[in-house]
Amino acid sequence: MKTPAPATVRNRRVLIVGTGSIGERHLRCFLATGVEAGIVEPNASLRSEVAQRYGVAHAFESLEEAFADRLGWRADAVVICTPANMHVAMARSAVAAGCHVLIEKPLSTSCDEVSDLLREAADADRVVGLAYVYRAHPAIAAAREAVQSGRFGDPVEVVAVSGQNFPHYRPAYRDIYYKSRTTGGGAVQDALTHVVNAVEWIVGPARRVVADATHQVLDGVGVEDTAHVLARHGDIDREVLVSFALNQYQAPNENTITVVCREGAVRIEMHAMRWQWCVEPGSPWHNEPVASMARDELFVRQAEAFLESVERVSLPLCSLAEGVQTLKSTLAILRSADAGRWEEVEA
C-alpha cells in the first residue's frame, strides 16, 4: 500500500516504536501528514521489510540505539506501538530524551511507574497523549459537543454495544500481544478500553464497576473475548448509569453508544458515520451524518491532532491524565470480572 501524498510538509521527525499491525498503520498515517519518520523494530527482517516498503532511511533495533544516535537522526516525537506492558518505561525514556510521546492504548497493564511518567512529563514540559483514536471520530466528537452543551439536559444513562470479528481484522491474534492479559490482551484491554475512554470523554470518569467477562468463541487463546459491564460514572450527586456489552467474534462490525439525557437522547453509530438525536416521545431519530472516511483517514486525523498538540496549537485529543483514568477503569473491570463483585475505580 502506498503512503498518501502529504498535503503539507512538517519540519518534524517522528519515531515509530514497534512495526506490527498498529505500528505500521501509525507509520503510514504519520507519513501522510508530511513528517519525516524513523522506526524501531527488534525483528531484523521485519525492520528491513517495513523500512523498504515506506522508504524509511532511519531504522533502529532498539529505542536505546535510536536515542544514542546523537550525531545522526534525532526524533522530536515518539509513537509507542509495543505491547502495553512496555509502554510506560519506553515513554519515560522518550521524555528523558526530550521527546513528545503518543502512546497506543491501553497506557499500561498496571499503574506501576504511571505517577513517575506524569511527573516527568510535566517537569520536562513534554506533550504525552494516548492514542484513543475514537476521539478523532467526527460523529463522537459532534455528539459529545451536543451533550456537553446542555442541549439535551444532564445525561443519566449510557448504553454502549460493540462487536466485530477480530480474527478477520487481526488474523495473527493468536501469536501477538492479544493472547495474554500481561501484554494487554483480551477483549477488555484490547477493545473495550476504547469504548470506556469514549464514554468517559462524554459523561465523565467511571467511579464503580461490576463486570462479567469470559472466553466464548475465539480459537487458540484463553483470554476473554466477551465482556458485559455495569458502571457508575460522573459525580456522586450527578451519577450516570452505564452499561457496556462487547464481543470480538460477531460478523457485523458495529459500535453504538446511546446517551440518554433528561430532555432527549443521543445515539452515536460509528459504523454508520452518523449521530442521531431525539427529544419528542414517540418521534423518530433525527440523523446527523458526517463525512464517510476510510479507516486510515481516522488515524491520519489522530496524527494531525497529535502534531498540533506538539506545536502547541491545541491540547492532545486524549491527555496522559485522561489515559491514566481509563487505565484505572480498565483495571477495575478486570478485577471485578475475576472477583465477581463491584470494584471501586482507583482515585
C-alpha atoms as a PDB file:
ATOM      1  CA  MET A   1       0.000   0.000   0.000  1.00  0.00           C
ATOM      2  CA  LYS A   2       1.346   3.400  -0.974  1.00  0.00           C
ATOM      3  CA  THR A   3       1.551   6.188   1.548  1.00  0.00           C
ATOM      4  CA  PRO A   4      -0.844   9.046   0.683  1.00  0.00           C
ATOM      5  CA  ALA A   5       0.895  12.162  -0.558  1.00  0.00           C
ATOM      6  CA  PRO A   6       1.155  14.721   2.266  1.00  0.00           C
ATOM      7  CA  ALA A   7      -0.802  17.928   1.900  1.00  0.00           C
ATOM      8  CA  THR A   8       1.914  19.894   3.711  1.00  0.00           C
ATOM      9  CA  VAL A   9       5.485  19.284   4.806  1.00  0.00           C
ATOM     10  CA  ARG A  10       6.174  19.477   8.522  1.00  0.00           C
ATOM     11  CA  ASN A  11       9.601  20.057   9.957  1.00  0.00           C
ATOM     12  CA  ARG A  12       9.118  17.225  12.454  1.00  0.00           C
ATOM     13  CA  ARG A  13      10.792  13.877  12.953  1.00  0.00           C
ATOM     14  CA  VAL A  14       8.623  11.117  14.374  1.00  0.00           C
ATOM     15  CA  LEU A  15       9.943   7.779  15.604  1.00  0.00           C
ATOM     16  CA  ILE A  16       7.524   4.836  15.442  1.00  0.00           C
ATOM     17  CA  VAL A  17       8.432   2.189  18.030  1.00  0.00           C
ATOM     18  CA  GLY A  18       7.170  -1.242  17.030  1.00  0.00           C
ATOM     19  CA  THR A  19       6.103  -2.032  13.458  1.00  0.00           C
ATOM     20  CA  GLY A  20       3.454  -4.686  13.945  1.00  0.00           C
ATOM     21  CA  SER A  21      -0.032  -4.074  12.580  1.00  0.00           C
ATOM     22  CA  ILE A  22      -0.803  -0.916  14.569  1.00  0.00           C
ATOM     23  CA  GLY A  23       2.764   0.404  14.319  1.00  0.00           C
ATOM     24  CA  GLU A  24       2.736   0.094  10.541  1.00  0.00           C
ATOM     25  CA  ARG A  25      -0.594   1.933  10.447  1.00  0.00           C
ATOM     26  CA  HIS A  26       0.820   4.766  12.556  1.00  0.00           C
ATOM     27  CA  LEU A  27       3.890   4.916  10.314  1.00  0.00           C
ATOM     28  CA  ARG A  28       1.770   5.117   7.179  1.00  0.00           C
ATOM     29  CA  CYS A  29      -0.557   7.720   8.660  1.00  0.00           C
ATOM     30  CA  PHE A  30       2.142   9.936  10.149  1.00  0.00           C
ATOM     31  CA  LEU A  31       3.945   9.904   6.802  1.00  0.00           C
ATOM     32  CA  ALA A  32       0.693  11.140   5.265  1.00  0.00           C
ATOM     33  CA  THR A  33       0.976  14.295   7.423  1.00  0.00           C
ATOM     34  CA  GLY A  34       4.315  15.236   5.851  1.00  0.00           C
ATOM     35  CA  VAL A  35       6.685  14.379   8.718  1.00  0.00           C
ATOM     36  CA  GLU A  36       9.986  12.544   8.390  1.00  0.00           C
ATOM     37  CA  ALA A  37       9.668   9.175  10.115  1.00  0.00           C
ATOM     38  CA  GLY A  38      12.025   6.631  11.602  1.00  0.00           C
ATOM     39  CA  ILE A  39      11.281   3.220  13.089  1.00  0.00           C
ATOM     40  CA  VAL A  40      12.377   0.994  15.939  1.00  0.00           C
ATOM     41  CA  GLU A  41      11.859  -2.725  15.398  1.00  0.00           C
ATOM     42  CA  PRO A  42      13.880  -5.516  17.085  1.00  0.00           C
ATOM     43  CA  ASN A  43      12.934  -8.085  14.424  1.00  0.00           C
ATOM     44  CA  ALA A  44      15.617  -7.559  11.770  1.00  0.00           C
ATOM     45  CA  SER A  45      13.684  -8.974   8.816  1.00  0.00           C
ATOM     46  CA  LEU A  46      10.523  -7.041   9.689  1.00  0.00           C
ATOM     47  CA  ARG A  47      12.554  -3.874  10.261  1.00  0.00           C
ATOM     48  CA  SER A  48      14.141  -4.186   6.821  1.00  0.00           C
ATOM     49  CA  GLU A  49      10.840  -5.023   5.131  1.00  0.00           C
ATOM     50  CA  VAL A  50       8.935  -2.094   6.640  1.00  0.00           C
ATOM     51  CA  ALA A  51      11.778   0.372   6.056  1.00  0.00           C
ATOM     52  CA  GLN A  52      11.957  -0.629   2.410  1.00  0.00           C
ATOM     53  CA  ARG A  53       8.174  -0.544   1.923  1.00  0.00           C
ATOM     54  CA  TYR A  54       7.857   3.023   3.200  1.00  0.00           C
ATOM     55  CA  GLY A  55      11.254   4.412   2.213  1.00  0.00           C
ATOM     56  CA  VAL A  56      12.364   4.881   5.824  1.00  0.00           C
ATOM     57  CA  ALA A  57      16.050   5.786   5.989  1.00  0.00           C
ATOM     58  CA  HIS A  58      16.413   5.640   9.776  1.00  0.00           C
ATOM     59  CA  ALA A  59      15.650   2.196  11.197  1.00  0.00           C
ATOM     60  CA  PHE A  60      16.893   1.099  14.616  1.00  0.00           C
ATOM     61  CA  GLU A  61      16.935  -2.167  16.537  1.00  0.00           C
ATOM     62  CA  SER A  62      16.058  -0.559  19.878  1.00  0.00           C
ATOM     63  CA  LEU A  63      14.916   2.685  21.422  1.00  0.00           C
ATOM     64  CA  GLU A  64      18.298   2.967  23.116  1.00  0.00           C
ATOM     65  CA  GLU A  65      20.060   2.736  19.756  1.00  0.00           C
ATOM     66  CA  ALA A  66      17.826   5.436  18.331  1.00  0.00           C
ATOM     67  CA  PHE A  67      18.487   7.819  21.225  1.00  0.00           C
ATOM     68  CA  ALA A  68      22.231   7.091  21.142  1.00  0.00           C
ATOM     69  CA  ASP A  69      22.412   8.260  17.523  1.00  0.00           C
ATOM     70  CA  ARG A  70      23.246  11.770  18.705  1.00  0.00           C
ATOM     71  CA  LEU A  71      25.169  12.798  15.596  1.00  0.00           C
ATOM     72  CA  GLY A  72      22.609  11.442  13.177  1.00  0.00           C
ATOM     73  CA  TRP A  73      18.828  11.404  13.075  1.00  0.00           C
ATOM     74  CA  ARG A  74      17.063  12.891  16.093  1.00  0.00           C
ATOM     75  CA  ALA A  75      13.351  12.414  16.810  1.00  0.00           C
ATOM     76  CA  ASP A  76      11.093  15.196  18.043  1.00  0.00           C
ATOM     77  CA  ALA A  77       8.291  12.792  18.936  1.00  0.00           C
ATOM     78  CA  VAL A  78       7.920   9.086  19.629  1.00  0.00           C
ATOM     79  CA  VAL A  79       4.873   6.904  18.938  1.00  0.00           C
ATOM     80  CA  ILE A  80       4.905   3.778  21.128  1.00  0.00           C
ATOM     81  CA  CYS A  81       3.234   0.761  19.489  1.00  0.00           C
ATOM     82  CA  THR A  82       4.673  -2.108  21.543  1.00  0.00           C
ATOM     83  CA  PRO A  83       2.790  -4.460  23.917  1.00  0.00           C
ATOM     84  CA  ALA A  84       1.101  -2.495  26.707  1.00  0.00           C
ATOM     85  CA  ASN A  85       3.358  -3.750  29.497  1.00  0.00           C
ATOM     86  CA  MET A  86       6.284  -1.935  27.810  1.00  0.00           C
ATOM     87  CA  HIS A  87       4.568   1.411  27.264  1.00  0.00           C
ATOM     88  CA  VAL A  88       5.341   3.360  30.418  1.00  0.00           C
ATOM     89  CA  ALA A  89       9.058   2.502  30.634  1.00  0.00           C
ATOM     90  CA  MET A  90       9.501   3.436  26.972  1.00  0.00           C
ATOM     91  CA  ALA A  91       7.538   6.656  27.402  1.00  0.00           C
ATOM     92  CA  ARG A  92       9.706   7.657  30.346  1.00  0.00           C
ATOM     93  CA  SER A  93      12.831   7.035  28.250  1.00  0.00           C
ATOM     94  CA  ALA A  94      11.406   9.135  25.435  1.00  0.00           C
ATOM     95  CA  VAL A  95      10.528  12.020  27.760  1.00  0.00           C
ATOM     96  CA  ALA A  96      14.016  11.837  29.296  1.00  0.00           C
ATOM     97  CA  ALA A  97      15.434  12.123  25.773  1.00  0.00           C
ATOM     98  CA  GLY A  98      13.429  15.308  25.219  1.00  0.00           C
ATOM     99  CA  CYS A  99      10.702  13.835  23.017  1.00  0.00           C
ATOM    100  CA  HIS A 100       6.956  14.290  22.950  1.00  0.00           C
ATOM    101  CA  VAL A 101       5.101  10.966  23.100  1.00  0.00           C
ATOM    102  CA  LEU A 102       1.963   9.351  21.718  1.00  0.00           C
ATOM    103  CA  ILE A 103       1.211   6.007  23.415  1.00  0.00           C
ATOM    104  CA  GLU A 104      -1.018   3.301  21.990  1.00  0.00           C
ATOM    105  CA  LYS A 105      -3.879   2.147  24.199  1.00  0.00           C
ATOM    106  CA  PRO A 106      -4.075   0.989  26.891  1.00  0.00           C
ATOM    107  CA  LEU A 107      -1.488   3.071  28.715  1.00  0.00           C
ATOM    108  CA  SER A 108      -0.246   0.005  30.596  1.00  0.00           C
ATOM    109  CA  THR A 109      -1.307  -3.234  32.249  1.00  0.00           C
ATOM    110  CA  SER A 110      -0.750  -1.808  35.728  1.00  0.00           C
ATOM    111  CA  CYS A 111      -0.345   1.549  37.439  1.00  0.00           C
ATOM    112  CA  ASP A 112       3.356   0.941  38.136  1.00  0.00           C
ATOM    113  CA  GLU A 113       5.500   3.981  37.240  1.00  0.00           C
ATOM    114  CA  VAL A 114       2.488   5.910  35.939  1.00  0.00           C
ATOM    115  CA  SER A 115       2.862   8.648  38.563  1.00  0.00           C
ATOM    116  CA  ASP A 116       6.555   8.916  37.631  1.00  0.00           C
ATOM    117  CA  LEU A 117       5.641   9.414  33.969  1.00  0.00           C
ATOM    118  CA  LEU A 118       3.072  12.082  34.859  1.00  0.00           C
ATOM    119  CA  ARG A 119       5.611  13.978  36.954  1.00  0.00           C
ATOM    120  CA  GLU A 120       8.464  13.646  34.473  1.00  0.00           C
ATOM    121  CA  ALA A 121       6.348  14.743  31.505  1.00  0.00           C
ATOM    122  CA  ALA A 122       5.189  17.823  33.442  1.00  0.00           C
ATOM    123  CA  ASP A 123       8.716  18.684  34.606  1.00  0.00           C
ATOM    124  CA  ALA A 124      10.098  18.354  31.061  1.00  0.00           C
ATOM    125  CA  ASP A 125       7.124  20.202  29.517  1.00  0.00           C
ATOM    126  CA  ARG A 126       6.634  17.355  27.029  1.00  0.00           C
ATOM    127  CA  VAL A 127       3.295  16.517  25.431  1.00  0.00           C
ATOM    128  CA  VAL A 128       2.238  12.947  26.225  1.00  0.00           C
ATOM    129  CA  GLY A 129      -1.017  11.707  24.740  1.00  0.00           C
ATOM    130  CA  LEU A 130      -2.880   8.420  24.411  1.00  0.00           C
ATOM    131  CA  ALA A 131      -3.881   7.043  21.010  1.00  0.00           C
ATOM    132  CA  TYR A 132      -7.567   6.548  21.769  1.00  0.00           C
ATOM    133  CA  VAL A 133      -8.486   7.005  18.132  1.00  0.00           C
ATOM    134  CA  TYR A 134     -12.247   7.159  18.739  1.00  0.00           C
ATOM    135  CA  ARG A 135     -11.683  10.739  19.870  1.00  0.00           C
ATOM    136  CA  ALA A 136     -10.743  11.575  16.287  1.00  0.00           C
ATOM    137  CA  HIS A 137     -14.080  10.231  15.035  1.00  0.00           C
ATOM    138  CA  PRO A 138     -16.247  13.151  13.880  1.00  0.00           C
ATOM    139  CA  ALA A 139     -19.549  11.543  14.949  1.00  0.00           C
ATOM    140  CA  ILE A 140     -18.325  11.001  18.519  1.00  0.00           C
ATOM    141  CA  ALA A 141     -16.844  14.499  18.712  1.00  0.00           C
ATOM    142  CA  ALA A 142     -20.032  16.142  17.426  1.00  0.00           C
ATOM    143  CA  ALA A 143     -22.319  14.132  19.701  1.00  0.00           C
ATOM    144  CA  ARG A 144     -20.122  14.853  22.715  1.00  0.00           C
ATOM    145  CA  GLU A 145     -20.233  18.574  21.989  1.00  0.00           C
ATOM    146  CA  ALA A 146     -24.031  18.428  21.771  1.00  0.00           C
ATOM    147  CA  VAL A 147     -24.332  16.535  25.070  1.00  0.00           C
ATOM    148  CA  GLN A 148     -21.877  18.755  26.925  1.00  0.00           C
ATOM    149  CA  SER A 149     -23.548  21.914  25.646  1.00  0.00           C
ATOM    150  CA  GLY A 150     -26.593  21.018  27.760  1.00  0.00           C
ATOM    151  CA  ARG A 151     -28.855  20.922  24.705  1.00  0.00           C
ATOM    152  CA  PHE A 152     -30.483  17.683  25.903  1.00  0.00           C
ATOM    153  CA  GLY A 153     -30.177  18.214  29.640  1.00  0.00           C
ATOM    154  CA  ASP A 154     -27.982  16.262  32.029  1.00  0.00           C
ATOM    155  CA  PRO A 155     -27.020  12.728  30.940  1.00  0.00           C
ATOM    156  CA  VAL A 156     -28.432   9.995  33.168  1.00  0.00           C
ATOM    157  CA  GLU A 157     -27.798   6.725  31.294  1.00  0.00           C
ATOM    158  CA  VAL A 158     -25.452   5.352  28.630  1.00  0.00           C
ATOM    159  CA  VAL A 159     -25.789   2.078  26.721  1.00  0.00           C
ATOM    160  CA  ALA A 160     -22.751   1.063  24.638  1.00  0.00           C
ATOM    161  CA  VAL A 161     -22.906  -2.021  22.399  1.00  0.00           C
ATOM    162  CA  SER A 162     -19.923  -3.096  20.287  1.00  0.00           C
ATOM    163  CA  GLY A 163     -18.828  -6.101  18.283  1.00  0.00           C
ATOM    164  CA  GLN A 164     -16.643  -7.175  15.408  1.00  0.00           C
ATOM    165  CA  ASN A 165     -14.945 -10.269  14.030  1.00  0.00           C
ATOM    166  CA  PHE A 166     -11.466  -9.799  15.474  1.00  0.00           C
ATOM    167  CA  PRO A 167      -9.822 -12.672  13.535  1.00  0.00           C
ATOM    168  CA  HIS A 168     -10.935 -11.029  10.281  1.00  0.00           C
ATOM    169  CA  TYR A 169      -9.085  -7.813  11.146  1.00  0.00           C
ATOM    170  CA  ARG A 170      -6.169  -9.355  13.069  1.00  0.00           C
ATOM    171  CA  PRO A 171      -5.579 -12.879  11.673  1.00  0.00           C
ATOM    172  CA  ALA A 172      -2.389 -13.267  13.736  1.00  0.00           C
ATOM    173  CA  TYR A 173      -4.188 -12.620  17.041  1.00  0.00           C
ATOM    174  CA  ARG A 174      -3.084 -16.000  18.476  1.00  0.00           C
ATOM    175  CA  ASP A 175       0.594 -15.072  18.163  1.00  0.00           C
ATOM    176  CA  ILE A 176       0.669 -11.432  19.265  1.00  0.00           C
ATOM    177  CA  TYR A 177       0.074  -9.416  22.448  1.00  0.00           C
ATOM    178  CA  TYR A 178      -3.624 -10.354  22.374  1.00  0.00           C
ATOM    179  CA  LYS A 179      -3.100 -13.882  23.716  1.00  0.00           C
ATOM    180  CA  SER A 180      -2.221 -12.729  27.243  1.00  0.00           C
ATOM    181  CA  ARG A 181      -3.556 -10.117  29.637  1.00  0.00           C
ATOM    182  CA  THR A 182       0.020  -9.467  30.797  1.00  0.00           C
ATOM    183  CA  THR A 183       0.820  -7.877  27.433  1.00  0.00           C
ATOM    184  CA  GLY A 184      -2.501  -6.046  27.031  1.00  0.00           C
ATOM    185  CA  GLY A 185      -4.545  -8.860  25.513  1.00  0.00           C
ATOM    186  CA  GLY A 186      -8.159  -9.860  25.887  1.00  0.00           C
ATOM    187  CA  ALA A 187     -11.342  -8.042  24.955  1.00  0.00           C
ATOM    188  CA  VAL A 188     -11.258  -5.635  27.899  1.00  0.00           C
ATOM    189  CA  GLN A 189      -7.778  -4.213  27.322  1.00  0.00           C
ATOM    190  CA  ASP A 190      -7.812  -4.540  23.540  1.00  0.00           C
ATOM    191  CA  ALA A 191     -11.265  -3.276  22.563  1.00  0.00           C
ATOM    192  CA  LEU A 192     -13.492  -2.312  25.493  1.00  0.00           C
ATOM    193  CA  THR A 193     -10.921   0.214  26.701  1.00  0.00           C
ATOM    194  CA  HIS A 194     -11.666   2.284  23.549  1.00  0.00           C
ATOM    195  CA  VAL A 195     -15.376   2.418  24.398  1.00  0.00           C
ATOM    196  CA  VAL A 196     -14.756   3.141  28.088  1.00  0.00           C
ATOM    197  CA  ASN A 197     -12.488   6.030  27.133  1.00  0.00           C
ATOM    198  CA  ALA A 198     -15.097   7.434  24.743  1.00  0.00           C
ATOM    199  CA  VAL A 199     -17.856   7.239  27.362  1.00  0.00           C
ATOM    200  CA  GLU A 200     -15.616   8.844  29.988  1.00  0.00           C
ATOM    201  CA  TRP A 201     -14.928  11.645  27.484  1.00  0.00           C
ATOM    202  CA  ILE A 202     -18.656  12.221  27.028  1.00  0.00           C
ATOM    203  CA  VAL A 203     -20.085  11.862  30.565  1.00  0.00           C
ATOM    204  CA  GLY A 204     -17.139  11.761  32.955  1.00  0.00           C
ATOM    205  CA  PRO A 205     -14.957   9.166  34.705  1.00  0.00           C
ATOM    206  CA  ALA A 206     -16.146   5.806  35.961  1.00  0.00           C
ATOM    207  CA  ARG A 207     -16.289   5.503  39.748  1.00  0.00           C
ATOM    208  CA  ARG A 208     -17.553   1.935  40.315  1.00  0.00           C
ATOM    209  CA  VAL A 209     -17.832  -1.095  38.036  1.00  0.00           C
ATOM    210  CA  VAL A 210     -19.091  -4.653  38.079  1.00  0.00           C
ATOM    211  CA  ALA A 211     -18.154  -6.942  35.198  1.00  0.00           C
ATOM    212  CA  ASP A 212     -18.709 -10.353  33.683  1.00  0.00           C
ATOM    213  CA  ALA A 213     -16.084 -11.286  31.093  1.00  0.00           C
ATOM    214  CA  THR A 214     -15.102 -14.661  29.716  1.00  0.00           C
ATOM    215  CA  HIS A 215     -13.811 -16.612  26.734  1.00  0.00           C
ATOM    216  CA  GLN A 216     -16.634 -17.758  24.469  1.00  0.00           C
ATOM    217  CA  VAL A 217     -15.539 -18.329  20.862  1.00  0.00           C
ATOM    218  CA  LEU A 218     -12.061 -17.326  19.653  1.00  0.00           C
ATOM    219  CA  ASP A 219      -9.824 -20.294  18.878  1.00  0.00           C
ATOM    220  CA  GLY A 220      -6.282 -20.571  20.168  1.00  0.00           C
ATOM    221  CA  VAL A 221      -6.476 -18.155  23.091  1.00  0.00           C
ATOM    222  CA  GLY A 222      -7.820 -18.313  26.622  1.00  0.00           C
ATOM    223  CA  VAL A 223      -8.364 -14.611  27.291  1.00  0.00           C
ATOM    224  CA  GLU A 224     -11.858 -13.153  27.430  1.00  0.00           C
ATOM    225  CA  ASP A 225     -13.461 -12.338  24.084  1.00  0.00           C
ATOM    226  CA  THR A 226     -16.779 -11.186  25.575  1.00  0.00           C
ATOM    227  CA  ALA A 227     -17.414  -8.541  28.232  1.00  0.00           C
ATOM    228  CA  HIS A 228     -20.526  -7.139  29.912  1.00  0.00           C
ATOM    229  CA  VAL A 229     -20.001  -4.273  32.347  1.00  0.00           C
ATOM    230  CA  LEU A 230     -22.205  -2.079  34.505  1.00  0.00           C
ATOM    231  CA  ALA A 231     -20.680   1.157  35.738  1.00  0.00           C
ATOM    232  CA  ARG A 232     -21.458   4.379  37.545  1.00  0.00           C
ATOM    233  CA  HIS A 233     -19.866   7.462  36.015  1.00  0.00           C
ATOM    234  CA  GLY A 234     -19.738  11.133  36.899  1.00  0.00           C
ATOM    235  CA  ASP A 235     -20.030  12.914  40.207  1.00  0.00           C
ATOM    236  CA  ILE A 236     -21.721  11.158  43.106  1.00  0.00           C
ATOM    237  CA  ASP A 237     -24.526  13.759  43.127  1.00  0.00           C
ATOM    238  CA  ARG A 238     -24.990  13.541  39.320  1.00  0.00           C
ATOM    239  CA  GLU A 239     -24.423   9.871  38.579  1.00  0.00           C
ATOM    240  CA  VAL A 240     -24.730   8.356  35.131  1.00  0.00           C
ATOM    241  CA  LEU A 241     -25.611   4.659  34.929  1.00  0.00           C
ATOM    242  CA  VAL A 242     -23.667   2.966  32.118  1.00  0.00           C
ATOM    243  CA  SER A 243     -23.770  -0.484  30.543  1.00  0.00           C
ATOM    244  CA  PHE A 244     -21.231  -1.906  28.112  1.00  0.00           C
ATOM    245  CA  ALA A 245     -21.618  -5.051  26.008  1.00  0.00           C
ATOM    246  CA  LEU A 246     -18.830  -6.128  23.670  1.00  0.00           C
ATOM    247  CA  ASN A 247     -17.751  -9.224  21.776  1.00  0.00           C
ATOM    248  CA  GLN A 248     -14.940  -9.919  19.316  1.00  0.00           C
ATOM    249  CA  TYR A 249     -16.452 -12.585  17.067  1.00  0.00           C
ATOM    250  CA  GLN A 250     -19.734 -11.395  15.540  1.00  0.00           C
ATOM    251  CA  ALA A 251     -19.913 -10.901  11.772  1.00  0.00           C
ATOM    252  CA  PRO A 252     -21.042  -7.237  11.668  1.00  0.00           C
ATOM    253  CA  ASN A 253     -18.565  -4.565  12.730  1.00  0.00           C
ATOM    254  CA  GLU A 254     -20.758  -2.262  14.816  1.00  0.00           C
ATOM    255  CA  ASN A 255     -20.230   0.261  17.574  1.00  0.00           C
ATOM    256  CA  THR A 256     -23.182   2.155  19.053  1.00  0.00           C
ATOM    257  CA  ILE A 257     -23.254   4.478  22.064  1.00  0.00           C
ATOM    258  CA  THR A 258     -26.621   5.811  23.272  1.00  0.00           C
ATOM    259  CA  VAL A 259     -26.638   8.670  25.772  1.00  0.00           C
ATOM    260  CA  VAL A 260     -29.999   9.243  27.454  1.00  0.00           C
ATOM    261  CA  CYS A 261     -30.394  12.715  28.926  1.00  0.00           C
ATOM    262  CA  ARG A 262     -33.198  14.332  30.917  1.00  0.00           C
ATOM    263  CA  GLU A 263     -34.537  16.217  27.903  1.00  0.00           C
ATOM    264  CA  GLY A 264     -33.622  13.969  25.000  1.00  0.00           C
ATOM    265  CA  ALA A 265     -31.366  11.200  23.771  1.00  0.00           C
ATOM    266  CA  VAL A 266     -28.298  10.996  21.546  1.00  0.00           C
ATOM    267  CA  ARG A 267     -27.047   7.956  19.659  1.00  0.00           C
ATOM    268  CA  ILE A 268     -23.633   7.546  18.031  1.00  0.00           C
ATOM    269  CA  GLU A 269     -23.291   4.936  15.281  1.00  0.00           C
ATOM    270  CA  MET A 270     -19.622   4.905  14.386  1.00  0.00           C
ATOM    271  CA  HIS A 271     -20.027   2.210  11.754  1.00  0.00           C
ATOM    272  CA  ALA A 272     -22.738   4.256  10.002  1.00  0.00           C
ATOM    273  CA  MET A 273     -20.750   7.522  10.238  1.00  0.00           C
ATOM    274  CA  ARG A 274     -23.555   9.406  11.960  1.00  0.00           C
ATOM    275  CA  TRP A 275     -25.013  10.540  15.227  1.00  0.00           C
ATOM    276  CA  GLN A 276     -28.705  10.971  15.964  1.00  0.00           C
ATOM    277  CA  TRP A 277     -30.914  12.791  18.449  1.00  0.00           C
ATOM    278  CA  CYS A 278     -34.492  12.582  19.650  1.00  0.00           C
ATOM    279  CA  VAL A 279     -36.383  14.879  22.028  1.00  0.00           C
ATOM    280  CA  GLU A 280     -40.090  14.217  21.429  1.00  0.00           C
ATOM    281  CA  PRO A 281     -41.562  10.980  22.854  1.00  0.00           C
ATOM    282  CA  GLY A 282     -42.514   8.600  20.059  1.00  0.00           C
ATOM    283  CA  SER A 283     -40.804  10.630  17.350  1.00  0.00           C
ATOM    284  CA  PRO A 284     -38.126   9.185  15.024  1.00  0.00           C
ATOM    285  CA  TRP A 285     -34.416   9.806  15.338  1.00  0.00           C
ATOM    286  CA  HIS A 286     -33.059  12.890  13.590  1.00  0.00           C
ATOM    287  CA  ASN A 287     -29.936  11.882  11.669  1.00  0.00           C
ATOM    288  CA  GLU A 288     -26.762  13.976  11.720  1.00  0.00           C
ATOM    289  CA  PRO A 289     -24.480  12.245   9.203  1.00  0.00           C
ATOM    290  CA  VAL A 290     -20.773  13.020   8.986  1.00  0.00           C
ATOM    291  CA  ALA A 291     -18.469  12.564   6.014  1.00  0.00           C
ATOM    292  CA  SER A 292     -17.549   8.970   5.326  1.00  0.00           C
ATOM    293  CA  MET A 293     -13.874   8.091   5.538  1.00  0.00           C
ATOM    294  CA  ALA A 294     -11.575   5.120   5.197  1.00  0.00           C
ATOM    295  CA  ARG A 295     -10.050   3.648   8.339  1.00  0.00           C
ATOM    296  CA  ASP A 296      -6.639   5.183   7.649  1.00  0.00           C
ATOM    297  CA  GLU A 297      -8.220   8.637   7.499  1.00  0.00           C
ATOM    298  CA  LEU A 298      -9.236   8.319  11.151  1.00  0.00           C
ATOM    299  CA  PHE A 299      -5.638   7.612  12.116  1.00  0.00           C
ATOM    300  CA  VAL A 300      -4.371  10.462   9.930  1.00  0.00           C
ATOM    301  CA  ARG A 301      -6.753  12.779  11.809  1.00  0.00           C
ATOM    302  CA  GLN A 302      -5.303  11.465  15.066  1.00  0.00           C
ATOM    303  CA  ALA A 303      -1.737  12.013  13.832  1.00  0.00           C
ATOM    304  CA  GLU A 304      -2.558  15.563  12.709  1.00  0.00           C
ATOM    305  CA  ALA A 305      -4.126  16.312  16.093  1.00  0.00           C
ATOM    306  CA  PHE A 306      -1.102  14.969  17.957  1.00  0.00           C
ATOM    307  CA  LEU A 307       1.281  17.088  15.866  1.00  0.00           C
ATOM    308  CA  GLU A 308      -0.876  20.144  16.535  1.00  0.00           C
ATOM    309  CA  SER A 309      -0.599  19.459  20.263  1.00  0.00           C
ATOM    310  CA  VAL A 310       3.185  19.169  19.916  1.00  0.00           C
ATOM    311  CA  GLU A 311       3.153  22.515  18.102  1.00  0.00           C
ATOM    312  CA  ARG A 312       1.001  23.896  20.991  1.00  0.00           C
ATOM    313  CA  VAL A 313      -1.845  24.709  18.638  1.00  0.00           C
ATOM    314  CA  SER A 314      -4.265  22.558  20.643  1.00  0.00           C
ATOM    315  CA  LEU A 315      -4.424  20.117  23.537  1.00  0.00           C
ATOM    316  CA  PRO A 316      -3.962  16.359  22.933  1.00  0.00           C
ATOM    317  CA  LEU A 317      -7.111  14.515  21.906  1.00  0.00           C
ATOM    318  CA  CYS A 318      -6.567  12.303  24.952  1.00  0.00           C
ATOM    319  CA  SER A 319      -4.201  13.619  27.588  1.00  0.00           C
ATOM    320  CA  LEU A 320      -1.952  11.439  29.709  1.00  0.00           C
ATOM    321  CA  ALA A 321      -4.138  12.163  32.752  1.00  0.00           C
ATOM    322  CA  GLU A 322      -7.235  11.007  30.855  1.00  0.00           C
ATOM    323  CA  GLY A 323      -5.370   7.895  29.721  1.00  0.00           C
ATOM    324  CA  VAL A 324      -4.476   7.158  33.342  1.00  0.00           C
ATOM    325  CA  GLN A 325      -8.154   7.471  34.294  1.00  0.00           C
ATOM    326  CA  THR A 326      -9.186   4.965  31.619  1.00  0.00           C
ATOM    327  CA  LEU A 327      -6.375   2.629  32.685  1.00  0.00           C
ATOM    328  CA  LYS A 328      -7.732   2.673  36.245  1.00  0.00           C
ATOM    329  CA  SER A 329     -11.249   1.962  34.971  1.00  0.00           C
ATOM    330  CA  THR A 330      -9.996  -0.890  32.784  1.00  0.00           C
ATOM    331  CA  LEU A 331      -8.056  -2.467  35.649  1.00  0.00           C
ATOM    332  CA  ALA A 332     -11.119  -2.207  37.904  1.00  0.00           C
ATOM    333  CA  ILE A 333     -13.173  -4.016  35.245  1.00  0.00           C
ATOM    334  CA  LEU A 334     -10.632  -6.849  35.125  1.00  0.00           C
ATOM    335  CA  ARG A 335     -10.574  -7.104  38.929  1.00  0.00           C
ATOM    336  CA  SER A 336     -14.362  -7.228  39.028  1.00  0.00           C
ATOM    337  CA  ALA A 337     -14.577  -9.879  36.308  1.00  0.00           C
ATOM    338  CA  ASP A 338     -12.145 -12.057  38.230  1.00  0.00           C
ATOM    339  CA  ALA A 339     -13.657 -11.475  41.676  1.00  0.00           C
ATOM    340  CA  GLY A 340     -17.349 -11.314  40.738  1.00  0.00           C
ATOM    341  CA  ARG A 341     -18.138  -8.163  42.704  1.00  0.00           C
ATOM    342  CA  TRP A 342     -18.377  -4.385  42.435  1.00  0.00           C
ATOM    343  CA  GLU A 343     -14.994  -2.676  42.361  1.00  0.00           C
ATOM    344  CA  GLU A 344     -14.131   0.948  43.062  1.00  0.00           C
ATOM    345  CA  VAL A 345     -12.107   2.726  40.391  1.00  0.00           C
ATOM    346  CA  GLU A 346      -8.894   3.948  41.983  1.00  0.00           C
ATOM    347  CA  ALA A 347      -8.977   7.687  42.655  1.00  0.00           C
END
